[in-house]
Amino acid sequence: MKRVLSFAAMIVLAVTVAAAQGYGHGPHGPGEPGMNLADHLTKMLDLTPDQTSKVQAIVSKYTDGSMGEKMRSMQEAQSTLHRTVHNPDATDAQVQQAVGVVSGIQGQLALEQHHMAVEVGTVLTADQKAKFQQMMSEHREHDGPPPMQGGGF
């Protein structure tokens, strides 16, 4: 169980790293043109065509479903927070309320990312999981923790 949770945490980190690098922001987002999270994992881990297909299906299930909805909600909540913070007429309570909304959605997104990570982990071999964990460890050593992104992807 510890290995599954450790791997899930690594996938969540990869999602955050990919988001920080611009992956998964649509077909023409920053980073490599057209590369989404499934493409990124395929490239990083040398997935087989069958694994790639399964990972793409898992990622699509989440990004086209409730996680995508939460990501849109997060963008709206962050926009509201930004407007509230910069509104000289806003009260501290209003800012705190806006922060609470962002925080709550961020927690929901973390759970969605975790669930997706657990599913992706069932597709990978033990060697691929080990390679992934090594890559994430090296990333943290060189770059430190990735910046917080509002919702991953």
Foldseek 3Di string as FASTA:
>chain_A
DVLLQVQLVLQLLVLLVCVLQFAQPDQQTHDPHHHHPLNVLCVQQVDDPVLSVQLVVLVCCLCVPDLVVLLVVLVVLVVLLVVQVPDPPHDPVSNVVSVVSLVVSQVVLSVSSSVSSSSSVVSDDPVSSVSSVVVSVVCCVVPNRRDDDRRGD
